Amino acid sequence: MASRRTAIGLIAIGISAIASIGTASALDYPTRPVRFVVGFPAGGATDILARLIGQRLSERLGQQFVIENKPGAGNNIGTETVVNAEPDGYTVLLVNPANFINASLYVNLRFNFIRDIAPVASFNRVPNVMTVAPAVPAKTVAEFIAYVKANPGKVNMASSGNGTSVHLSGELFMAMSGAKMEHIPYKGAAPAITDLLGNRVQVIFDNMPSIIQHISSGSLRALAVTTATRSSELPDVPTVAETVPGYEASALFGMGAPKKTPPEIIEKLNREINAVLAEPDMKKRLTELGGEPLISTPDAFGSMIVAETEKWEKVVKFAGAHVE
C-alpha cells in the first residue's frame, strides 16, 4: 500500500514538474526570433498590419518578430506553412479575411482553418474601399455600374488574390449590381495597385490600409466603402449600400498559431498584443488605416473567426465563386 502511495506521489510530482516546465517556458518566451507569416507580398494591408504589430511586440518582448511574406494560392501557402509548423510559439500567422473565405471558396484545401489554427488575438476590422483608376470617368457607384454595362468585356477588376476579401467584395458587387467585370487576381495588393495607377485595370475593392494613401494623395478615386456605415477616415465617401441596397463587407485581422501551441504562450501573446492595441499611438495609427483596435480574448477571437467563416460562405455561394 505504501509503495502504491509512493508511486502515485511520484506521478503527481512528475505531472507538476511538466506543468512547471510549461509555465516556465511561457514566462521566458520568446527566447529567440519569432516567424510572423504573412500570406501576401510586402506592401499590402496584411503586411502593413503585421509590421506595425510585429515591431511593437519585438520591442516589448525583446526578440524580433520577423515578417515572412509567403504569397501564393490566395493566402493558402502562408497559412499551410503555419498549420504545419511546430506548435511552440515561434511561428505565428497574420489572420486575414482570406482565411475565412477560403474555407468555402477552395474545393480542395489541405487544412481546416478553424480546426488547425489556434486563435491568439484580434487586431482590427476595416472596410474595403471601391477605388477606380484615374482614367475611369465614373464619379459615383451608379455611374460606374452604368459605365461597366455600357462597356461589356472591357472593365477589369483587380484583387490581391483569389479568395481574398478584396476579390469576394468585388464578386458580391457584381452579383448584386449586375455589373459584370473580368477578375484579375494578383499576388498581393501592391502589384494590383501599381496596375490600377497605370490604368491597366479599372477598379479594386481593396482593404483600406493599403489603398488609403493613394486616395488621400488624389492619385486614385474612391467611389464607396464596403461597410454598412461610412468610415470616419473617409467621411465624404458613401457606402456601396447607398446605391446597392443590402451590400456589406468588412475585413477582420488578427494573429493565429498552430493548433496545440501551449495555452500559456497564447495567453502571453494575447496579453502583449492587447497592451499594444491599447497604446494611444497604435490606436491612432490603426484608426488612420481605417479601423479602430479590436481588443479580445483568444476565445472571443475564435468566435469571431467562426462567424466570419459563416458570413463569407454565404457570400461565396451568393456570388457562385469557387477555385479548384
Protein backbone atom coordinates (compact mmCIF):
# COMPACT_ATOMS: atom_id res chain seq x y z
CA MET A 1 0.00 0.00 0.00
CA ALA A 2 2.86 2.33 0.89
CA SER A 3 4.58 1.59 -2.40
CA ARG A 4 1.35 2.38 -4.27
CA ARG A 5 1.05 5.72 -2.45
CA THR A 6 4.68 6.40 -3.29
CA ALA A 7 4.06 5.64 -6.99
CA ILE A 8 1.02 7.91 -7.06
CA GLY A 9 3.02 10.62 -5.37
CA LEU A 10 5.82 10.31 -7.91
CA ILE A 11 3.31 10.53 -10.78
CA ALA A 12 1.79 13.66 -9.23
CA ILE A 13 5.25 15.18 -8.82
CA GLY A 14 6.00 14.36 -12.46
CA ILE A 15 2.81 15.98 -13.70
CA SER A 16 3.51 19.02 -11.56
CA ALA A 17 7.06 19.21 -12.91
CA ILE A 18 5.82 19.04 -16.52
CA ALA A 19 3.30 21.79 -15.80
CA SER A 20 6.02 23.88 -14.20
CA ILE A 21 8.23 23.45 -17.26
CA GLY A 22 5.38 24.65 -19.49
CA THR A 23 4.77 27.66 -17.29
CA ALA A 24 8.47 28.46 -17.10
CA SER A 25 8.84 28.28 -20.89
CA ALA A 26 5.89 30.64 -21.25
CA LEU A 27 7.43 33.07 -18.76
CA ASP A 28 10.72 33.03 -20.69
CA TYR A 29 9.05 33.15 -24.12
CA PRO A 30 10.30 34.24 -26.54
CA THR A 31 13.98 33.32 -26.23
CA ARG A 32 14.65 33.53 -29.98
CA PRO A 33 13.13 35.31 -33.01
CA VAL A 34 9.50 34.55 -33.94
CA ARG A 35 8.41 33.99 -37.55
CA PHE A 36 5.34 36.12 -38.29
CA VAL A 37 4.00 34.67 -41.54
CA VAL A 38 2.02 36.87 -43.94
CA GLY A 39 0.37 35.13 -46.90
CA PHE A 40 0.81 38.10 -49.23
CA PRO A 41 3.74 40.17 -50.58
CA ALA A 42 5.12 43.22 -48.80
CA GLY A 43 3.15 46.44 -49.17
CA GLY A 44 -0.42 45.22 -48.81
CA ALA A 45 -2.85 45.65 -45.90
CA THR A 46 -1.88 42.38 -44.18
CA ASP A 47 1.83 43.20 -44.44
CA ILE A 48 1.33 46.75 -43.10
CA LEU A 49 -0.57 45.46 -40.06
CA ALA A 50 1.91 42.66 -39.38
CA ARG A 51 4.83 45.10 -39.42
CA LEU A 52 3.06 47.58 -37.14
CA ILE A 53 2.15 44.96 -34.54
CA GLY A 54 5.33 42.92 -35.01
CA GLN A 55 7.59 45.92 -34.39
CA ARG A 56 5.94 46.71 -31.06
CA LEU A 57 5.95 43.06 -29.98
CA SER A 58 9.67 42.92 -30.80
CA GLU A 59 10.27 45.97 -28.61
CA ARG A 60 8.12 44.72 -25.72
CA LEU A 61 9.30 41.10 -25.69
CA GLY A 62 12.98 41.60 -26.54
CA GLN A 63 13.01 39.25 -29.54
CA GLN A 64 12.41 40.05 -33.19
CA PHE A 65 9.06 39.18 -34.74
CA VAL A 66 10.39 38.61 -38.25
CA ILE A 67 7.83 39.22 -41.01
CA GLU A 68 7.99 36.36 -43.51
CA ASN A 69 6.00 37.04 -46.67
CA LYS A 70 4.84 33.79 -48.26
CA PRO A 71 2.42 34.76 -51.04
CA GLY A 72 0.55 32.40 -53.32
CA ALA A 73 -2.66 30.40 -53.72
CA GLY A 74 -4.80 33.18 -52.29
CA ASN A 75 -3.02 33.16 -48.91
CA ASN A 76 -3.13 29.36 -48.56
CA ILE A 77 0.64 28.81 -48.88
CA GLY A 78 1.37 31.05 -45.91
CA THR A 79 -1.45 29.54 -43.86
CA GLU A 80 -0.35 25.98 -44.59
CA THR A 81 3.20 26.90 -43.54
CA VAL A 82 1.89 27.82 -40.09
CA VAL A 83 -0.51 24.86 -39.89
CA ASN A 84 2.48 22.51 -40.40
CA ALA A 85 4.91 24.39 -38.13
CA GLU A 86 5.98 23.24 -34.69
CA PRO A 87 3.37 24.41 -32.13
CA ASP A 88 5.96 26.12 -29.95
CA GLY A 89 5.01 29.78 -30.33
CA TYR A 90 7.84 30.56 -32.73
CA THR A 91 5.69 30.57 -35.87
CA VAL A 92 2.53 32.69 -35.98
CA LEU A 93 0.14 33.80 -38.71
CA LEU A 94 -1.36 37.12 -39.76
CA VAL A 95 -5.02 36.06 -39.83
CA ASN A 96 -6.97 37.88 -42.53
CA PRO A 97 -10.27 37.59 -44.42
CA ALA A 98 -8.84 35.13 -46.96
CA ASN A 99 -8.64 32.57 -44.17
CA PHE A 100 -12.39 32.78 -43.60
CA ILE A 101 -13.29 32.93 -47.29
CA ASN A 102 -11.06 30.11 -48.49
CA ALA A 103 -12.86 27.57 -46.32
CA SER A 104 -15.74 27.61 -48.81
CA LEU A 105 -14.11 29.16 -51.90
CA TYR A 106 -11.45 26.48 -52.40
CA VAL A 107 -12.62 23.00 -53.28
CA ASN A 108 -9.59 21.00 -52.09
CA LEU A 109 -7.85 22.65 -49.14
CA ARG A 110 -5.30 20.54 -47.26
CA PHE A 111 -6.23 22.07 -43.91
CA ASN A 112 -9.26 23.22 -41.95
CA PHE A 113 -8.57 26.72 -40.68
CA ILE A 114 -10.95 26.64 -37.71
CA ARG A 115 -9.61 23.25 -36.60
CA ASP A 116 -5.91 23.69 -37.39
CA ILE A 117 -5.15 27.27 -36.29
CA ALA A 118 -5.43 28.40 -32.68
CA PRO A 119 -6.81 31.96 -32.30
CA VAL A 120 -4.42 34.28 -30.45
CA ALA A 121 -5.80 37.83 -30.69
CA SER A 122 -7.80 40.10 -32.96
CA PHE A 123 -6.20 43.30 -34.31
CA ASN A 124 -8.92 45.31 -36.03
CA ARG A 125 -11.77 45.31 -38.53
CA VAL A 126 -11.62 47.61 -41.56
CA PRO A 127 -13.73 48.44 -44.59
CA ASN A 128 -12.66 47.74 -48.13
CA VAL A 129 -12.78 50.70 -50.50
CA MET A 130 -14.20 50.59 -54.02
CA THR A 131 -11.49 52.52 -55.85
CA VAL A 132 -11.15 53.31 -59.56
CA ALA A 133 -8.25 54.08 -61.87
CA PRO A 134 -7.59 57.69 -62.94
CA ALA A 135 -8.88 57.05 -66.49
CA VAL A 136 -12.28 55.74 -65.34
CA PRO A 137 -14.82 58.53 -65.93
CA ALA A 138 -17.33 57.41 -63.28
CA LYS A 139 -17.54 59.60 -60.17
CA THR A 140 -20.24 57.60 -58.33
CA VAL A 141 -21.19 53.96 -57.86
CA ALA A 142 -24.27 54.44 -60.04
CA GLU A 143 -22.15 55.97 -62.81
CA PHE A 144 -19.66 53.12 -62.52
CA ILE A 145 -22.38 50.48 -62.87
CA ALA A 146 -23.66 52.26 -65.99
CA TYR A 147 -20.08 52.50 -67.32
CA VAL A 148 -19.49 48.77 -66.88
CA LYS A 149 -22.77 47.85 -68.56
CA ALA A 150 -22.01 50.21 -71.46
CA ASN A 151 -18.57 48.59 -71.95
CA PRO A 152 -19.10 44.81 -71.76
CA GLY A 153 -15.88 42.81 -71.54
CA LYS A 154 -13.71 45.92 -71.20
CA VAL A 155 -13.66 46.57 -67.44
CA ASN A 156 -11.17 44.61 -65.32
CA MET A 157 -11.48 44.22 -61.56
CA ALA A 158 -8.16 43.72 -59.77
CA SER A 159 -7.73 41.86 -56.49
CA SER A 160 -4.90 40.86 -54.18
CA GLY A 161 -5.56 37.20 -54.99
CA ASN A 162 -8.26 34.57 -55.31
CA GLY A 163 -10.15 34.16 -52.07
CA THR A 164 -9.29 37.50 -50.50
CA SER A 165 -11.95 39.84 -49.19
CA VAL A 166 -10.80 42.16 -51.99
CA HIS A 167 -11.84 39.50 -54.51
CA LEU A 168 -15.09 38.50 -52.82
CA SER A 169 -16.17 42.08 -52.15
CA GLY A 170 -15.98 42.61 -55.90
CA GLU A 171 -17.75 39.34 -56.67
CA LEU A 172 -20.57 40.33 -54.32
CA PHE A 173 -20.79 43.72 -56.01
CA MET A 174 -21.07 42.10 -59.44
CA ALA A 175 -23.73 39.68 -58.24
CA MET A 176 -25.84 42.38 -56.58
CA SER A 177 -25.42 45.14 -59.18
CA GLY A 178 -25.44 43.13 -62.39
CA ALA A 179 -22.22 44.88 -63.48
CA LYS A 180 -20.11 42.04 -64.89
CA MET A 181 -16.33 42.53 -64.90
CA GLU A 182 -13.29 40.38 -65.59
CA HIS A 183 -11.49 39.40 -62.36
CA ILE A 184 -7.70 39.83 -62.49
CA PRO A 185 -6.03 38.30 -59.40
CA TYR A 186 -2.58 39.49 -58.33
CA LYS A 187 -0.11 38.14 -55.80
CA GLY A 188 -0.90 40.85 -53.28
CA ALA A 189 -2.34 44.35 -53.16
CA ALA A 190 0.86 46.22 -54.08
CA PRO A 191 1.18 44.93 -57.68
CA ALA A 192 -2.59 45.28 -58.15
CA ILE A 193 -2.46 48.95 -57.09
CA THR A 194 0.53 49.56 -59.37
CA ASP A 195 -1.53 48.39 -62.35
CA LEU A 196 -4.54 50.40 -61.16
CA LEU A 197 -2.39 53.54 -61.04
CA GLY A 198 -1.27 52.73 -64.58
CA ASN A 199 -4.86 52.27 -65.83
CA ARG A 200 -4.15 48.64 -66.76
CA VAL A 201 -7.08 47.59 -64.56
CA GLN A 202 -10.08 49.74 -63.76
CA VAL A 203 -11.29 49.02 -60.21
CA ILE A 204 -10.33 47.34 -56.95
CA PHE A 205 -12.21 46.72 -53.68
CA ASP A 206 -9.05 46.94 -51.61
CA ASN A 207 -8.52 46.89 -47.84
CA MET A 208 -8.28 50.47 -46.61
CA PRO A 209 -4.74 50.27 -45.10
CA SER A 210 -3.05 49.59 -48.44
CA ILE A 211 -5.15 51.96 -50.60
CA ILE A 212 -5.88 54.99 -48.42
CA GLN A 213 -2.57 56.80 -49.09
CA HIS A 214 -3.32 56.76 -52.83
CA ILE A 215 -6.85 58.05 -52.20
CA SER A 216 -5.60 60.79 -49.89
CA SER A 217 -2.99 61.90 -52.43
CA GLY A 218 -5.60 62.07 -55.21
CA SER A 219 -3.81 59.54 -57.42
CA LEU A 220 -6.80 57.17 -57.16
CA ARG A 221 -10.51 57.90 -56.66
CA ALA A 222 -12.66 56.24 -54.00
CA LEU A 223 -16.26 55.66 -55.02
CA ALA A 224 -17.53 53.90 -51.87
CA VAL A 225 -16.67 51.94 -48.74
CA THR A 226 -17.97 48.39 -48.32
CA THR A 227 -19.16 48.58 -44.72
CA ALA A 228 -22.76 49.25 -43.70
CA THR A 229 -21.85 52.73 -42.40
CA ARG A 230 -19.43 55.37 -43.63
CA SER A 231 -15.83 55.42 -42.41
CA SER A 232 -14.60 58.20 -40.14
CA GLU A 233 -11.39 58.25 -42.20
CA LEU A 234 -13.31 58.86 -45.44
CA PRO A 235 -16.44 60.65 -44.18
CA ASP A 236 -17.37 62.08 -47.58
CA VAL A 237 -17.20 58.71 -49.32
CA PRO A 238 -20.59 56.94 -49.42
CA THR A 239 -21.22 53.27 -48.76
CA VAL A 240 -21.85 50.84 -51.62
CA ALA A 241 -25.18 50.08 -49.92
CA GLU A 242 -26.37 53.64 -50.54
CA THR A 243 -26.57 52.62 -54.21
CA VAL A 244 -26.78 48.81 -53.95
CA PRO A 245 -29.15 48.14 -51.01
CA GLY A 246 -28.09 45.32 -48.70
CA TYR A 247 -24.43 45.27 -49.72
CA GLU A 248 -21.92 44.87 -46.82
CA ALA A 249 -18.37 43.54 -46.47
CA SER A 250 -15.56 44.19 -43.98
CA ALA A 251 -12.14 42.73 -43.19
CA LEU A 252 -11.16 41.21 -39.82
CA PHE A 253 -7.46 40.84 -38.95
CA GLY A 254 -5.58 39.17 -36.10
CA MET A 255 -2.97 36.59 -35.11
CA GLY A 256 -3.19 32.79 -35.10
CA ALA A 257 -0.81 29.97 -34.18
CA PRO A 258 -0.56 26.25 -34.94
CA LYS A 259 -3.02 24.11 -33.00
CA LYS A 260 -1.57 22.64 -29.79
CA THR A 261 0.53 25.75 -29.19
CA PRO A 262 0.82 25.90 -25.37
CA PRO A 263 -2.06 27.92 -23.91
CA GLU A 264 0.36 29.82 -21.66
CA ILE A 265 2.17 31.15 -24.75
CA ILE A 266 -1.10 32.04 -26.47
CA GLU A 267 -2.24 33.89 -23.36
CA LYS A 268 1.04 35.77 -23.13
CA LEU A 269 0.86 36.82 -26.78
CA ASN A 270 -2.77 37.85 -26.35
CA ARG A 271 -1.89 39.94 -23.30
CA GLU A 272 1.01 41.66 -25.09
CA ILE A 273 -0.99 42.30 -28.27
CA ASN A 274 -3.86 43.81 -26.28
CA ALA A 275 -1.38 46.06 -24.49
CA VAL A 276 0.00 47.19 -27.86
CA LEU A 277 -3.51 47.84 -29.20
CA ALA A 278 -4.28 49.99 -26.14
CA GLU A 279 -1.32 52.31 -26.77
CA PRO A 280 -2.51 55.76 -27.92
CA ASP A 281 -0.04 55.91 -30.82
CA MET A 282 -1.08 52.47 -32.07
CA LYS A 283 -4.77 53.30 -31.75
CA LYS A 284 -4.19 56.49 -33.74
CA ARG A 285 -2.25 54.64 -36.44
CA LEU A 286 -4.81 51.85 -36.81
CA THR A 287 -7.65 54.38 -36.92
CA GLU A 288 -5.82 56.24 -39.69
CA LEU A 289 -5.67 52.94 -41.58
CA GLY A 290 -9.43 52.58 -41.37
CA GLY A 291 -10.30 50.53 -38.30
CA GLU A 292 -10.01 51.02 -34.54
CA PRO A 293 -8.21 48.38 -32.41
CA LEU A 294 -10.30 45.33 -31.57
CA ILE A 295 -9.20 44.00 -28.16
CA SER A 296 -10.37 40.46 -27.34
CA THR A 297 -9.54 37.18 -25.63
CA PRO A 298 -8.39 34.15 -27.67
CA ASP A 299 -11.84 32.56 -27.20
CA ALA A 300 -13.63 35.72 -28.34
CA PHE A 301 -11.40 35.94 -31.41
CA GLY A 302 -12.16 32.28 -32.10
CA SER A 303 -15.89 33.07 -32.07
CA MET A 304 -15.28 35.94 -34.50
CA ILE A 305 -13.42 33.56 -36.82
CA VAL A 306 -16.36 31.14 -36.84
CA ALA A 307 -18.83 33.97 -37.50
CA GLU A 308 -16.69 35.42 -40.31
CA THR A 309 -16.31 32.00 -41.93
CA GLU A 310 -20.07 31.54 -41.91
CA LYS A 311 -20.65 35.06 -43.28
CA TRP A 312 -18.22 34.70 -46.17
CA GLU A 313 -19.56 31.23 -47.02
CA LYS A 314 -22.89 32.91 -47.77
CA VAL A 315 -21.10 35.49 -49.95
CA VAL A 316 -19.22 32.77 -51.84
CA LYS A 317 -22.45 30.91 -52.53
CA PHE A 318 -24.28 34.14 -53.45
CA ALA A 319 -21.54 35.04 -55.94
CA GLY A 320 -21.24 31.48 -57.25
CA ALA A 321 -17.45 31.67 -56.89
CA HIS A 322 -15.09 28.72 -56.47
CA VAL A 323 -11.44 27.85 -57.01
CA GLU A 324 -10.22 24.33 -57.81
